[in-house]
Amino acid sequence: FRYRYDHYRPFFWSAWIGDQLVGISNGIRTFQS
């Protein structure tokens, strides 16, 4: 997660209800298919 945060932060989304984290999505860029 730290790697994804450091390198692909624009793709590391979080969902909140009040101050509770209820969802996350993330990933990485690649040339692989």
Full PDB file with SEQRES, HELIX, SHEET, SSBOND, CRYST1, ORIGX, SCALE, CONECT and MASTER records, all heavy atoms in Angstrom:
SEQRES   1 A   33  PHE ARG TYR ARG TYR ASP HIS TYR ARG PRO PHE PHE TRP          
SEQRES   2 A   33  SER ALA TRP ILE GLY ASP GLN LEU VAL GLY ILE SER ASN          
SEQRES   3 A   33  GLY ILE ARG THR PHE GLN SER                                  
HELIX    1 AA1 ARG A    2  TYR A    8  1                                   7    
HELIX    2 AA2 ARG A    9  PHE A   11  5                                   3    
SHEET    1 AA1 2 TRP A  13  ILE A  17  0                                        
SHEET    2 AA1 2 GLN A  20  SER A  25 -1                                        
CRYST1    1.000    1.000    1.000  90.00  90.00  90.00 P 1           1          
ORIGX1      1.000000  0.000000  0.000000        0.00000                         
ORIGX2      0.000000  1.000000  0.000000        0.00000                         
ORIGX3      0.000000  0.000000  1.000000        0.00000                         
SCALE1      1.000000  0.000000  0.000000        0.00000                         
SCALE2      0.000000  1.000000  0.000000        0.00000                         
SCALE3      0.000000  0.000000  1.000000        0.00000                         
ATOM      1  N   PHE A   1       0.834  -1.208   0.000  1.00  0.00           N  
ATOM      2  CA  PHE A   1       0.000   0.000   0.000  1.00  0.00           C  
ATOM      3  C   PHE A   1       0.863   1.250   0.000  1.00  0.00           C  
ATOM      4  O   PHE A   1       0.560   2.221  -0.681  1.00  0.00           O  
ATOM      5  CB  PHE A   1      -0.937  -0.006   1.208  1.00  0.00           C  
ATOM      6  CG  PHE A   1      -2.285  -0.619   0.920  1.00  0.00           C  
ATOM      7  CD1 PHE A   1      -2.495  -1.449  -0.162  1.00  0.00           C  
ATOM      8  CD2 PHE A   1      -3.350  -0.361   1.755  1.00  0.00           C  
ATOM      9  CE1 PHE A   1      -3.733  -2.006  -0.413  1.00  0.00           C  
ATOM     10  CE2 PHE A   1      -4.602  -0.902   1.527  1.00  0.00           C  
ATOM     11  CZ  PHE A   1      -4.786  -1.737   0.436  1.00  0.00           C  
ATOM     12  N   ARG A   2       1.935   1.232   0.765  1.00  0.00           N  
ATOM     13  CA  ARG A   2       2.825   2.397   0.799  1.00  0.00           C  
ATOM     14  C   ARG A   2       3.413   2.643  -0.594  1.00  0.00           C  
ATOM     15  O   ARG A   2       3.492   3.772  -1.046  1.00  0.00           O  
ATOM     16  CB  ARG A   2       3.936   2.215   1.830  1.00  0.00           C  
ATOM     17  CG  ARG A   2       4.887   3.399   1.869  1.00  0.00           C  
ATOM     18  CD  ARG A   2       5.645   3.529   3.153  1.00  0.00           C  
ATOM     19  NE  ARG A   2       4.824   3.657   4.331  1.00  0.00           N  
ATOM     20  CZ  ARG A   2       4.144   4.752   4.678  1.00  0.00           C  
ATOM     21  NH1 ARG A   2       4.179   5.815   3.922  1.00  0.00           N  
ATOM     22  NH2 ARG A   2       3.449   4.775   5.783  1.00  0.00           N  
ATOM     23  N   TYR A   3       3.814   1.570  -1.269  1.00  0.00           N  
ATOM     24  CA  TYR A   3       4.351   1.703  -2.625  1.00  0.00           C  
ATOM     25  C   TYR A   3       3.302   2.315  -3.560  1.00  0.00           C  
ATOM     26  O   TYR A   3       3.592   3.245  -4.310  1.00  0.00           O  
ATOM     27  CB  TYR A   3       4.810   0.337  -3.152  1.00  0.00           C  
ATOM     28  CG  TYR A   3       5.475   0.441  -4.496  1.00  0.00           C  
ATOM     29  CD1 TYR A   3       6.833   0.692  -4.592  1.00  0.00           C  
ATOM     30  CD2 TYR A   3       4.738   0.319  -5.674  1.00  0.00           C  
ATOM     31  CE1 TYR A   3       7.449   0.812  -5.827  1.00  0.00           C  
ATOM     32  CE2 TYR A   3       5.349   0.433  -6.909  1.00  0.00           C  
ATOM     33  CZ  TYR A   3       6.702   0.686  -6.978  1.00  0.00           C  
ATOM     34  OH  TYR A   3       7.302   0.824  -8.202  1.00  0.00           O  
ATOM     35  N   ARG A   4       2.086   1.795  -3.514  1.00  0.00           N  
ATOM     36  CA  ARG A   4       1.015   2.329  -4.360  1.00  0.00           C  
ATOM     37  C   ARG A   4       0.735   3.786  -4.015  1.00  0.00           C  
ATOM     38  O   ARG A   4       0.507   4.607  -4.905  1.00  0.00           O  
ATOM     39  CB  ARG A   4      -0.252   1.493  -4.209  1.00  0.00           C  
ATOM     40  CG  ARG A   4      -0.083   0.080  -4.725  1.00  0.00           C  
ATOM     41  CD  ARG A   4      -1.314  -0.754  -4.446  1.00  0.00           C  
ATOM     42  NE  ARG A   4      -0.949  -2.166  -4.352  1.00  0.00           N  
ATOM     43  CZ  ARG A   4      -1.781  -3.110  -3.985  1.00  0.00           C  
ATOM     44  NH1 ARG A   4      -3.043  -2.828  -3.697  1.00  0.00           N  
ATOM     45  NH2 ARG A   4      -1.375  -4.364  -3.916  1.00  0.00           N  
ATOM     46  N   TYR A   5       0.759   4.106  -2.730  1.00  0.00           N  
ATOM     47  CA  TYR A   5       0.544   5.492  -2.305  1.00  0.00           C  
ATOM     48  C   TYR A   5       1.670   6.385  -2.837  1.00  0.00           C  
ATOM     49  O   TYR A   5       1.417   7.458  -3.383  1.00  0.00           O  
ATOM     50  CB  TYR A   5       0.475   5.570  -0.775  1.00  0.00           C  
ATOM     51  CG  TYR A   5       0.357   6.987  -0.263  1.00  0.00           C  
ATOM     52  CD1 TYR A   5      -0.883   7.607  -0.186  1.00  0.00           C  
ATOM     53  CD2 TYR A   5       1.485   7.709   0.106  1.00  0.00           C  
ATOM     54  CE1 TYR A   5      -0.999   8.917   0.262  1.00  0.00           C  
ATOM     55  CE2 TYR A   5       1.378   9.011   0.554  1.00  0.00           C  
ATOM     56  CZ  TYR A   5       0.140   9.616   0.620  1.00  0.00           C  
ATOM     57  OH  TYR A   5       0.034  10.911   1.052  1.00  0.00           O  
ATOM     58  N   ASP A   6       2.911   5.960  -2.666  1.00  0.00           N  
ATOM     59  CA  ASP A   6       4.056   6.770  -3.078  1.00  0.00           C  
ATOM     60  C   ASP A   6       4.146   6.950  -4.584  1.00  0.00           C  
ATOM     61  O   ASP A   6       4.536   8.016  -5.059  1.00  0.00           O  
ATOM     62  CB  ASP A   6       5.372   6.152  -2.580  1.00  0.00           C  
ATOM     63  CG  ASP A   6       5.548   6.248  -1.075  1.00  0.00           C  
ATOM     64  OD1 ASP A   6       4.851   7.068  -0.429  1.00  0.00           O  
ATOM     65  OD2 ASP A   6       6.382   5.488  -0.538  1.00  0.00           O  
ATOM     66  N   HIS A   7       3.780   5.925  -5.365  1.00  0.00           N  
ATOM     67  CA  HIS A   7       3.977   5.970  -6.804  1.00  0.00           C  
ATOM     68  C   HIS A   7       2.709   6.221  -7.622  1.00  0.00           C  
ATOM     69  O   HIS A   7       2.800   6.701  -8.754  1.00  0.00           O  
ATOM     70  CB  HIS A   7       4.636   4.673  -7.275  1.00  0.00           C  
ATOM     71  CG  HIS A   7       6.017   4.506  -6.740  1.00  0.00           C  
ATOM     72  ND1 HIS A   7       6.278   3.885  -5.537  1.00  0.00           N  
ATOM     73  CD2 HIS A   7       7.206   4.919  -7.218  1.00  0.00           C  
ATOM     74  CE1 HIS A   7       7.581   3.904  -5.314  1.00  0.00           C  
ATOM     75  NE2 HIS A   7       8.167   4.524  -6.310  1.00  0.00           N  
ATOM     76  N   TYR A   8       1.550   5.909  -7.054  1.00  0.00           N  
ATOM     77  CA  TYR A   8       0.296   6.009  -7.811  1.00  0.00           C  
ATOM     78  C   TYR A   8      -0.813   6.639  -6.974  1.00  0.00           C  
ATOM     79  O   TYR A   8      -1.962   6.227  -7.041  1.00  0.00           O  
ATOM     80  CB  TYR A   8      -0.124   4.608  -8.314  1.00  0.00           C  
ATOM     81  CG  TYR A   8       0.943   3.981  -9.164  1.00  0.00           C  
ATOM     82  CD1 TYR A   8       1.808   3.018  -8.640  1.00  0.00           C  
ATOM     83  CD2 TYR A   8       1.133   4.394 -10.480  1.00  0.00           C  
ATOM     84  CE1 TYR A   8       2.823   2.469  -9.414  1.00  0.00           C  
ATOM     85  CE2 TYR A   8       2.148   3.855 -11.263  1.00  0.00           C  
ATOM     86  CZ  TYR A   8       2.991   2.900 -10.715  1.00  0.00           C  
ATOM     87  OH  TYR A   8       3.990   2.369 -11.480  1.00  0.00           O  
ATOM     88  N   ARG A   9      -0.468   7.647  -6.198  1.00  0.00           N  
ATOM     89  CA  ARG A   9      -1.444   8.261  -5.304  1.00  0.00           C  
ATOM     90  C   ARG A   9      -2.697   8.773  -6.016  1.00  0.00           C  
ATOM     91  O   ARG A   9      -3.798   8.642  -5.484  1.00  0.00           O  
ATOM     92  CB  ARG A   9      -0.808   9.400  -4.501  1.00  0.00           C  
ATOM     93  CG  ARG A   9      -1.804   9.947  -3.477  1.00  0.00           C  
ATOM     94  CD  ARG A   9      -1.149  10.829  -2.440  1.00  0.00           C  
ATOM     95  NE  ARG A   9      -2.147  11.224  -1.471  1.00  0.00           N  
ATOM     96  CZ  ARG A   9      -2.744  12.408  -1.474  1.00  0.00           C  
ATOM     97  NH1 ARG A   9      -2.428  13.318  -2.366  1.00  0.00           N  
ATOM     98  NH2 ARG A   9      -3.659  12.688  -0.571  1.00  0.00           N  
ATOM     99  N   PRO A  10      -2.600   9.322  -7.231  1.00  0.00           N  
ATOM    100  CA  PRO A  10      -3.838   9.779  -7.889  1.00  0.00           C  
ATOM    101  C   PRO A  10      -4.843   8.654  -8.155  1.00  0.00           C  
ATOM    102  O   PRO A  10      -5.984   8.922  -8.515  1.00  0.00           O  
ATOM    103  CB  PRO A  10      -3.336  10.374  -9.207  1.00  0.00           C  
ATOM    104  CG  PRO A  10      -1.915  10.742  -8.953  1.00  0.00           C  
ATOM    105  CD  PRO A  10      -1.407   9.691  -7.998  1.00  0.00           C  
ATOM    106  N   PHE A  11      -4.414   7.410  -7.962  1.00  0.00           N  
ATOM    107  CA  PHE A  11      -5.281   6.262  -8.193  1.00  0.00           C  
ATOM    108  C   PHE A  11      -5.649   5.549  -6.887  1.00  0.00           C  
ATOM    109  O   PHE A  11      -6.155   4.437  -6.921  1.00  0.00           O  
ATOM    110  CB  PHE A  11      -4.579   5.252  -9.118  1.00  0.00           C  
ATOM    111  CG  PHE A  11      -4.251   5.803 -10.471  1.00  0.00           C  
ATOM    112  CD1 PHE A  11      -3.005   6.361 -10.722  1.00  0.00           C  
ATOM    113  CD2 PHE A  11      -5.176   5.777 -11.498  1.00  0.00           C  
ATOM    114  CE1 PHE A  11      -2.683   6.859 -11.972  1.00  0.00           C  
ATOM    115  CE2 PHE A  11      -4.874   6.274 -12.752  1.00  0.00           C  
ATOM    116  CZ  PHE A  11      -3.622   6.809 -12.979  1.00  0.00           C  
ATOM    117  N   PHE A  12      -5.370   6.154  -5.745  1.00  0.00           N  
ATOM    118  CA  PHE A  12      -5.617   5.506  -4.445  1.00  0.00           C  
ATOM    119  C   PHE A  12      -6.792   6.225  -3.778  1.00  0.00           C  
ATOM    120  O   PHE A  12      -6.616   7.175  -3.013  1.00  0.00           O  
ATOM    121  CB  PHE A  12      -4.368   5.566  -3.573  1.00  0.00           C  
ATOM    122  CG  PHE A  12      -4.287   4.476  -2.527  1.00  0.00           C  
ATOM    123  CD1 PHE A  12      -3.098   3.805  -2.323  1.00  0.00           C  
ATOM    124  CD2 PHE A  12      -5.371   4.137  -1.738  1.00  0.00           C  
ATOM    125  CE1 PHE A  12      -2.983   2.812  -1.358  1.00  0.00           C  
ATOM    126  CE2 PHE A  12      -5.284   3.152  -0.776  1.00  0.00           C  
ATOM    127  CZ  PHE A  12      -4.086   2.481  -0.592  1.00  0.00           C  
ATOM    128  N   TRP A  13      -7.993   5.755  -4.068  1.00  0.00           N  
ATOM    129  CA  TRP A  13      -9.218   6.395  -3.600  1.00  0.00           C  
ATOM    130  C   TRP A  13      -9.730   5.770  -2.305  1.00  0.00           C  
ATOM    131  O   TRP A  13      -9.527   4.587  -2.045  1.00  0.00           O  
ATOM    132  CB  TRP A  13     -10.293   6.311  -4.691  1.00  0.00           C  
ATOM    133  CG  TRP A  13      -9.967   7.245  -5.796  1.00  0.00           C  
ATOM    134  CD1 TRP A  13      -9.256   6.966  -6.940  1.00  0.00           C  
ATOM    135  CD2 TRP A  13     -10.262   8.632  -5.847  1.00  0.00           C  
ATOM    136  NE1 TRP A  13      -9.112   8.096  -7.684  1.00  0.00           N  
ATOM    137  CE2 TRP A  13      -9.719   9.136  -7.055  1.00  0.00           C  
ATOM    138  CE3 TRP A  13     -10.935   9.503  -5.001  1.00  0.00           C  
ATOM    139  CZ2 TRP A  13      -9.831  10.467  -7.421  1.00  0.00           C  
ATOM    140  CZ3 TRP A  13     -11.055  10.825  -5.373  1.00  0.00           C  
ATOM    141  CH2 TRP A  13     -10.509  11.297  -6.568  1.00  0.00           C  
ATOM    142  N   SER A  14     -10.399   6.594  -1.531  1.00  0.00           N  
ATOM    143  CA  SER A  14     -11.009   6.122  -0.292  1.00  0.00           C  
ATOM    144  C   SER A  14     -12.445   6.637  -0.208  1.00  0.00           C  
ATOM    145  O   SER A  14     -12.766   7.691  -0.745  1.00  0.00           O  
ATOM    146  CB  SER A  14     -10.201   6.604   0.921  1.00  0.00           C  
ATOM    147  OG  SER A  14     -10.148   8.010   0.972  1.00  0.00           O  
ATOM    148  N   ALA A  15     -13.287   5.856   0.458  1.00  0.00           N  
ATOM    149  CA  ALA A  15     -14.690   6.222   0.679  1.00  0.00           C  
ATOM    150  C   ALA A  15     -14.921   6.314   2.179  1.00  0.00           C  
ATOM    151  O   ALA A  15     -14.479   5.450   2.942  1.00  0.00           O  
ATOM    152  CB  ALA A  15     -15.619   5.177   0.058  1.00  0.00           C  
ATOM    153  N   TRP A  16     -15.630   7.355   2.571  1.00  0.00           N  
ATOM    154  CA  TRP A  16     -15.838   7.635   3.991  1.00  0.00           C  
ATOM    155  C   TRP A  16     -17.309   7.899   4.272  1.00  0.00           C  
ATOM    156  O   TRP A  16     -17.999   8.544   3.487  1.00  0.00           O  
ATOM    157  CB  TRP A  16     -15.040   8.873   4.404  1.00  0.00           C  
ATOM    158  CG  TRP A  16     -13.572   8.704   4.192  1.00  0.00           C  
ATOM    159  CD1 TRP A  16     -12.880   8.872   3.021  1.00  0.00           C  
ATOM    160  CD2 TRP A  16     -12.620   8.308   5.165  1.00  0.00           C  
ATOM    161  NE1 TRP A  16     -11.550   8.604   3.218  1.00  0.00           N  
ATOM    162  CE2 TRP A  16     -11.364   8.259   4.532  1.00  0.00           C  
ATOM    163  CE3 TRP A  16     -12.702   7.996   6.519  1.00  0.00           C  
ATOM    164  CZ2 TRP A  16     -10.199   7.905   5.198  1.00  0.00           C  
ATOM    165  CZ3 TRP A  16     -11.543   7.643   7.188  1.00  0.00           C  
ATOM    166  CH2 TRP A  16     -10.308   7.597   6.535  1.00  0.00           C  
ATOM    167  N   ILE A  17     -17.766   7.408   5.411  1.00  0.00           N  
ATOM    168  CA  ILE A  17     -19.048   7.810   5.986  1.00  0.00           C  
ATOM    169  C   ILE A  17     -18.675   8.425   7.320  1.00  0.00           C  
ATOM    170  O   ILE A  17     -18.201   7.726   8.224  1.00  0.00           O  
ATOM    171  CB  ILE A  17     -20.016   6.626   6.149  1.00  0.00           C  
ATOM    172  CG1 ILE A  17     -20.380   6.067   4.770  1.00  0.00           C  
ATOM    173  CG2 ILE A  17     -21.269   7.076   6.909  1.00  0.00           C  
ATOM    174  CD1 ILE A  17     -21.290   4.849   4.815  1.00  0.00           C  
ATOM    175  N   GLY A  18     -18.820   9.725   7.410  1.00  0.00           N  
ATOM    176  CA  GLY A  18     -18.331  10.437   8.586  1.00  0.00           C  
ATOM    177  C   GLY A  18     -16.830  10.263   8.669  1.00  0.00           C  
ATOM    178  O   GLY A  18     -16.117  10.487   7.693  1.00  0.00           O  
ATOM    179  N   ASP A  19     -16.341   9.807   9.811  1.00  0.00           N  
ATOM    180  CA  ASP A  19     -14.897   9.589   9.958  1.00  0.00           C  
ATOM    181  C   ASP A  19     -14.527   8.111   9.836  1.00  0.00           C  
ATOM    182  O   ASP A  19     -13.421   7.707  10.172  1.00  0.00           O  
ATOM    183  CB  ASP A  19     -14.387  10.168  11.268  1.00  0.00           C  
ATOM    184  CG  ASP A  19     -15.020   9.518  12.492  1.00  0.00           C  
ATOM    185  OD1 ASP A  19     -15.910   8.660  12.337  1.00  0.00           O  
ATOM    186  OD2 ASP A  19     -14.617   9.878  13.614  1.00  0.00           O  
ATOM    187  N   GLN A  20     -15.445   7.289   9.305  1.00  0.00           N  
ATOM    188  CA  GLN A  20     -15.186   5.858   9.130  1.00  0.00           C  
ATOM    189  C   GLN A  20     -14.803   5.565   7.681  1.00  0.00           C  
ATOM    190  O   GLN A  20     -15.547   5.876   6.742  1.00  0.00           O  
ATOM    191  CB  GLN A  20     -16.411   5.032   9.507  1.00  0.00           C  
ATOM    192  CG  GLN A  20     -16.179   3.544   9.347  1.00  0.00           C  
ATOM    193  CD  GLN A  20     -17.429   2.707   9.554  1.00  0.00           C  
ATOM    194  OE1 GLN A  20     -18.526   3.212   9.763  1.00  0.00           O  
ATOM    195  NE2 GLN A  20     -17.258   1.404   9.482  1.00  0.00           N  
ATOM    196  N   LEU A  21     -13.642   4.930   7.514  1.00  0.00           N  
ATOM    197  CA  LEU A  21     -13.212   4.460   6.204  1.00  0.00           C  
ATOM    198  C   LEU A  21     -14.047   3.240   5.848  1.00  0.00           C  
ATOM    199  O   LEU A  21     -14.036   2.244   6.572  1.00  0.00           O  
ATOM    200  CB  LEU A  21     -11.723   4.093   6.234  1.00  0.00           C  
ATOM    201  CG  LEU A  21     -11.137   3.530   4.944  1.00  0.00           C  
ATOM    202  CD1 LEU A  21     -11.183   4.564   3.815  1.00  0.00           C  
ATOM    203  CD2 LEU A  21      -9.704   3.067   5.180  1.00  0.00           C  
ATOM    204  N   VAL A  22     -14.797   3.321   4.746  1.00  0.00           N  
ATOM    205  CA  VAL A  22     -15.691   2.217   4.376  1.00  0.00           C  
ATOM    206  C   VAL A  22     -15.324   1.581   3.041  1.00  0.00           C  
ATOM    207  O   VAL A  22     -15.904   0.570   2.658  1.00  0.00           O  
ATOM    208  CB  VAL A  22     -17.170   2.669   4.354  1.00  0.00           C  
ATOM    209  CG1 VAL A  22     -17.624   3.070   5.756  1.00  0.00           C  
ATOM    210  CG2 VAL A  22     -17.397   3.787   3.354  1.00  0.00           C  
ATOM    211  N   GLY A  23     -14.363   2.162   2.325  1.00  0.00           N  
ATOM    212  CA  GLY A  23     -13.980   1.568   1.051  1.00  0.00           C  
ATOM    213  C   GLY A  23     -12.672   2.141   0.533  1.00  0.00           C  
ATOM    214  O   GLY A  23     -12.317   3.276   0.854  1.00  0.00           O  
ATOM    215  N   ILE A  24     -11.972   1.325  -0.268  1.00  0.00           N  
ATOM    216  CA  ILE A  24     -10.730   1.764  -0.904  1.00  0.00           C  
ATOM    217  C   ILE A  24     -10.633   1.132  -2.287  1.00  0.00           C  
ATOM    218  O   ILE A  24     -11.199   0.070  -2.551  1.00  0.00           O  
ATOM    219  CB  ILE A  24      -9.469   1.373  -0.092  1.00  0.00           C  
ATOM    220  CG1 ILE A  24      -9.481  -0.116   0.245  1.00  0.00           C  
ATOM    221  CG2 ILE A  24      -9.323   2.236   1.143  1.00  0.00           C  
ATOM    222  CD1 ILE A  24      -8.211  -0.633   0.900  1.00  0.00           C  
ATOM    223  N   SER A  25      -9.914   1.811  -3.163  1.00  0.00           N  
ATOM    224  CA  SER A  25      -9.577   1.257  -4.474  1.00  0.00           C  
ATOM    225  C   SER A  25      -8.208   1.798  -4.852  1.00  0.00           C  
ATOM    226  O   SER A  25      -7.871   2.941  -4.530  1.00  0.00           O  
ATOM    227  CB  SER A  25     -10.628   1.616  -5.523  1.00  0.00           C  
ATOM    228  OG  SER A  25     -10.703   3.013  -5.705  1.00  0.00           O  
ATOM    229  N   ASN A  26      -7.427   0.958  -5.523  1.00  0.00           N  
ATOM    230  CA  ASN A  26      -6.096   1.387  -5.956  1.00  0.00           C  
ATOM    231  C   ASN A  26      -5.544   0.408  -6.967  1.00  0.00           C  
ATOM    232  O   ASN A  26      -6.153  -0.630  -7.248  1.00  0.00           O  
ATOM    233  CB  ASN A  26      -5.152   1.531  -4.753  1.00  0.00           C  
ATOM    234  CG  ASN A  26      -4.937   0.239  -4.011  1.00  0.00           C  
ATOM    235  OD1 ASN A  26      -4.370  -0.711  -4.533  1.00  0.00           O  
ATOM    236  ND2 ASN A  26      -5.424   0.183  -2.768  1.00  0.00           N  
ATOM    237  N   GLY A  27      -4.388   0.732  -7.496  1.00  0.00           N  
ATOM    238  CA  GLY A  27      -3.711  -0.127  -8.458  1.00  0.00           C  
ATOM    239  C   GLY A  27      -2.437   0.520  -8.941  1.00  0.00           C  
ATOM    240  O   GLY A  27      -1.937   1.475  -8.330  1.00  0.00           O  
ATOM    241  N   ILE A  28      -1.924   0.003 -10.052  1.00  0.00           N  
ATOM    242  CA  ILE A  28      -0.653   0.475 -10.595  1.00  0.00           C  
ATOM    243  C   ILE A  28      -0.737   0.597 -12.114  1.00  0.00           C  
ATOM    244  O   ILE A  28      -1.538  -0.078 -12.758  1.00  0.00           O  
ATOM    245  CB  ILE A  28       0.497  -0.494 -10.234  1.00  0.00           C  
ATOM    246  CG1 ILE A  28       0.209  -1.911 -10.736  1.00  0.00           C  
ATOM    247  CG2 ILE A  28       0.755  -0.486  -8.722  1.00  0.00           C  
ATOM    248  CD1 ILE A  28       1.323  -2.906 -10.544  1.00  0.00           C  
ATOM    249  N   ARG A  29       0.120   1.439 -12.663  1.00  0.00           N  
ATOM    250  CA  ARG A  29       0.258   1.526 -14.113  1.00  0.00           C  
ATOM    251  C   ARG A  29       1.216   0.434 -14.573  1.00  0.00           C  
ATOM    252  O   ARG A  29       2.116   0.035 -13.840  1.00  0.00           O  
ATOM    253  CB  ARG A  29       0.792   2.895 -14.525  1.00  0.00           C  
ATOM    254  CG  ARG A  29      -0.253   3.985 -14.306  1.00  0.00           C  
ATOM    255  CD  ARG A  29       0.211   5.292 -14.821  1.00  0.00           C  
ATOM    256  NE  ARG A  29       0.109   5.301 -16.283  1.00  0.00           N  
ATOM    257  CZ  ARG A  29      -0.069   6.404 -17.010  1.00  0.00           C  
ATOM    258  NH1 ARG A  29      -0.153   7.571 -16.423  1.00  0.00           N  
ATOM    259  NH2 ARG A  29      -0.147   6.330 -18.324  1.00  0.00           N  
ATOM    260  N   THR A  30       1.014  -0.039 -15.797  1.00  0.00           N  
ATOM    261  CA  THR A  30       1.832  -1.127 -16.328  1.00  0.00           C  
ATOM    262  C   THR A  30       1.753  -1.121 -17.849  1.00  0.00           C  
ATOM    263  O   THR A  30       0.841  -0.524 -18.426  1.00  0.00           O  
ATOM    264  CB  THR A  30       1.346  -2.486 -15.770  1.00  0.00           C  
ATOM    265  OG1 THR A  30       2.200  -3.512 -16.237  1.00  0.00           O  
ATOM    266  CG2 THR A  30      -0.090  -2.783 -16.170  1.00  0.00           C  
ATOM    267  N   PHE A  31       2.693  -1.783 -18.484  1.00  0.00           N  
ATOM    268  CA  PHE A  31       2.608  -2.042 -19.917  1.00  0.00           C  
ATOM    269  C   PHE A  31       2.044  -3.440 -20.169  1.00  0.00           C  
ATOM    270  O   PHE A  31       1.741  -3.795 -21.293  1.00  0.00           O  
ATOM    271  CB  PHE A  31       3.987  -1.919 -20.579  1.00  0.00           C  
ATOM    272  CG  PHE A  31       4.436  -0.490 -20.714  1.00  0.00           C  
ATOM    273  CD1 PHE A  31       5.478  -0.007 -19.941  1.00  0.00           C  
ATOM    274  CD2 PHE A  31       3.827   0.382 -21.593  1.00  0.00           C  
ATOM    275  CE1 PHE A  31       5.900   1.311 -20.049  1.00  0.00           C  
ATOM    276  CE2 PHE A  31       4.229   1.696 -21.715  1.00  0.00           C  
ATOM    277  CZ  PHE A  31       5.271   2.164 -20.948  1.00  0.00           C  
ATOM    278  N   GLN A  32       1.908  -4.247 -19.123  1.00  0.00           N  
ATOM    279  CA  GLN A  32       1.403  -5.610 -19.259  1.00  0.00           C  
ATOM    280  C   GLN A  32      -0.083  -5.597 -19.588  1.00  0.00           C  
ATOM    281  O   GLN A  32      -0.803  -4.650 -19.253  1.00  0.00           O  
ATOM    282  CB  GLN A  32       1.682  -6.397 -17.980  1.00  0.00           C  
ATOM    283  CG  GLN A  32       3.163  -6.582 -17.758  1.00  0.00           C  
ATOM    284  CD  GLN A  32       3.480  -7.415 -16.538  1.00  0.00           C  
ATOM    285  OE1 GLN A  32       4.623  -7.519 -16.193  1.00  0.00           O  
ATOM    286  NE2 GLN A  32       2.504  -7.998 -15.877  1.00  0.00           N  
ATOM    287  N   SER A  33      -0.541  -6.676 -20.208  1.00  0.00           N  
ATOM    288  CA  SER A  33      -1.948  -6.735 -20.609  1.00  0.00           C  
ATOM    289  C   SER A  33      -2.789  -7.636 -19.709  1.00  0.00           C  
ATOM    290  O   SER A  33      -3.973  -7.806 -19.949  1.00  0.00           O  
ATOM    291  CB  SER A  33      -2.056  -7.205 -22.061  1.00  0.00           C  
ATOM    292  OG  SER A  33      -1.467  -8.479 -22.204  1.00  0.00           O  
TER     293      SER A  33                                                      
MASTER        0    0    0    2    2    0    0    6  292    1    0    3          
END                                                                             
